[in-house]
Amino acid sequence: MKKNIYFISLLVFSCISLISSSAQNKLTLNDIFNSSKYSSKGVANLRWMKDNISYSTLEINSKGLGYDIVKYNVKDNSKQILVDASELIPEGKKKPLFVYDYSWSDDDSKILIFTNTRRVWRYHTRGDYWVLNTKTGELIQLGKKLEVSSLMFAKFSPSGDKVAYVSKNNIYVEDLSTSSIKQLTSDGSESVINGTFDWVYEEELDDRDGFRWSPDGKTIAYWHSDTEGTGVFDIINYTDSIYSKIHPFPYPKVGTTNSAVKVGVVNIATGKSKWFKIPGDPRNHYLARMDFIPNSNKLMIQQLNRLQNTNKVFIADANTMEFTNILTETDEAFLDIHDNIVWLDKEKYFTWTSEKDGWRHLYKVKRDGSKEKLITKGEFDVIKIVCIDEKGGYVYYLASPYSAIDQYLYRSKLNGNGEAERVTPKGEEGTHLYQLTSDAKYAVHEFNNASTPSYYDIVSLPDHKTIMVLEDNHTLKAKYDALELNQKEFFKVNIGVATLDGWMIKPEKFDPNKKYPVIFQIYGEPASSTVMNTWKGGDLWHHFLAEQGYIVMSVDPRGTNMPKGREWRKCVYEKVGTIGPADHAAAVKKICKTYKFVDKDRIGIWGWSGGGASTLHAMFKYPDIYKTGIAVASVVNQKLYDTVYQERYMGLPSTDSLGFYNGSPINFVQNLKGDLLIIHGTGDDNVHYQNCELLINKLIQCNKMFNLMIYPNRTHSIYLGANTRRHLYETMDRFWLRHLQAGGE
């Protein structure tokens, strides 16, 4: 009987706790991670048409069959169904193709449908392709004789009568009138790659689609990669069968052998390839970009040296295979690749992006490289080129000269005269994104900020007047506002050597006379940043933590990817893992002095990937500041990461062993004092699980106690598998509550 009373009492107590918790927390982890309650709506696969006054997009079919492809005219908002979902039903099937993506032929008479897709590393780039002739209604599948869902990067020829694609590392071309398929390369294998790339090129140089049609449609230029000799890393799957399965893939780690990459040109008629003999060891250089110059049979090829501080630009003739080095860009630190090249004045000039004057700007360069002129001017960074309107004489781009956490549309004259002109109206602080027509008269405009989900409209330019609203996410905005959350407050903190941007979220019923624990989110490396005035799904996870009684903050140290000039971004060269953590620790000290409501004895920190490494640096190098930390998918030794990323920012271990030592948190484990939780997925192809096990070994060796959560077969994002994301964040939530006392005191 006493036993039954005990369990009844325990049940009542649990119910009271749940009721109390529900009353205290408006947000739940289930709502955030296991439902679509707070999901925002976007604009599905919108494409501007060639007439520059209409666009195509996907809409659910009125009969529920699937997606129609429709066209809207922006002048009168008239609607026309270009492709009814019923037209996408293959012969013998009852349901239409699911449209993952689509593209038009140059004359808009045919449409290429991408469906039945599969993920390749990060993105769905492999699947099936179908072509619909919108005039005849004929629907044909490409590559019928090839393996299902094996086709990649299918593209119409300039005349629209053929389509080329990659399958199993070989390039094919298919004649649409006869459905005859011609294999253009035959050496593709697990180690030889044609028309696409190995892991490191895709991940770090953003190279995926690896072939280009010539303007006359007679040849195709393509990348060829030989991964033989590159180190192979094995990912082990223990859970999908009674025996483990090994998944090997080439992954060049710092200081090791890269793939040998070259560029060739294959003749469609003969199927024969010729190769450019670009000088330099193909394993110690990167052919980062390649494309045909319009209206010619010549290519522009960009070659980075291994340290990525020299970019040689070649013009290469696809007929003679001769080439000329027309431009060489250098930097004492590192160079980034920019995709802002547009040919002007009948291909006599091209646009080029450089940081040579201390800011990221656009230049106009003569075809032979003999003359250049600055187009965008001022002490600000061009964040992204949106459109170059040669006829109108302007370049449109994203920038934010006065607030690095926001971004707006600006324009400058292509002749370099005059000052930068802001196009985005003043008053809407936050993030503005644009997709312009080629004549720059209309744009799809997206606006969001930290408390406003994305709002999409069509605007006319340059007056920026709304023509029509595409999606306002008003339902989500109403749900978000009903939560009555304390909004992100943006602030600046001066640490002497620099002024850093930050944000904070305060707990509900915040009392400035009490002291609260603080959880810092950090990234702290060159690839990204955390302090931006953007929606980020409402950042509900951090709001959830604030509801638990924590102040949540984030501060971007120097070296993060912010539009603050060359020196800001490149001061971390050979000092990744050193400058960032030192800046952050200095900022925390300043914050503790500035804000009396911050409890300096209850400081936590967490981060993912590079942010996980920054968290470990914080816990190991500044143990008297940070008392609790969560490191997710962390690089613990920089020598374990890939060549392109780590060597770009750190050089080579053979020439900077001290920099690599100081930048690797595993070398400072012995200083740990606080509570640490390590999280990693065993299927992580990016930051290998190897990092986690080496860190565990070192912690044991130093007799340091720690907490650990391993996710079997999960990749770097730790989201695949039922309930994974909710479990991950509940694990973190419980750790905070157990090891970092919540609430004001």
Foldseek 3Di string as FASTA:
>chain_A
DVVVVVVVVVVVVVVVVVVVVVVLFVDDLCCVFVDCNQPFDDFAAWAQDPVQQKIWGWDQAPVRQATFIKMAGLVVRDIDGQGHQVLQADPPGDGGFHAPYKDAANVRQKMKGFGQFDDDVPDGFFAWIWMAGSVVSDIGTAPPVADGRFWGDWDAANVRQKIWTDGQQWIWIAGNVVRDIDTLDDPRHQFKHKQADFDCLCPQLVTGGFWAAANVRFKIKGKIWGLPQADKDWFWFPPPDVDIDIDIGGFHFFPGWAIQMFMWMAGPVPSDIDTQPDDDGSRQKDQRDKDYDPPAQWMWTWIAGLLQFKIWIWIAHNVVSDIDGQDIGGDPAHDHDADQWDAADSNQWIKDWDQVVFETFIWIAGNSRPDIGTWADDQWHFPHWQADQRVVQKTWTWTDRPDQQEIFIWITGNVNDDHIGTQDDPDQTFYKDWHRRRNRQKIWIWGFFLLAPIWTFIAGPSNRHGSGTDGRSVVSSVVSVVSVFQTKDKDWFCLPVDIKIKIKGAAPVDDLVFAFAEEEEAQAAAPAGDRHGGHPSSPVLQSSVNSQFYMYMYIHFFQYNTTNTDCSNQVCALPAQHRRLVRVLSRLVRCVVPRVRHDQQQYEYEYAESRLLSRLSCQQVVVSRHAEYERELYQQFSSQAGSRVSSNRNNHCVVNVVSRLSNHSLNRLLRGDHEYEYEYESQAPGSHCVRVVSSVVSCVVSVHDYHYDYHYNAYRVQDPDPPRVSVVSVVVVVRCVVGRPHHTD
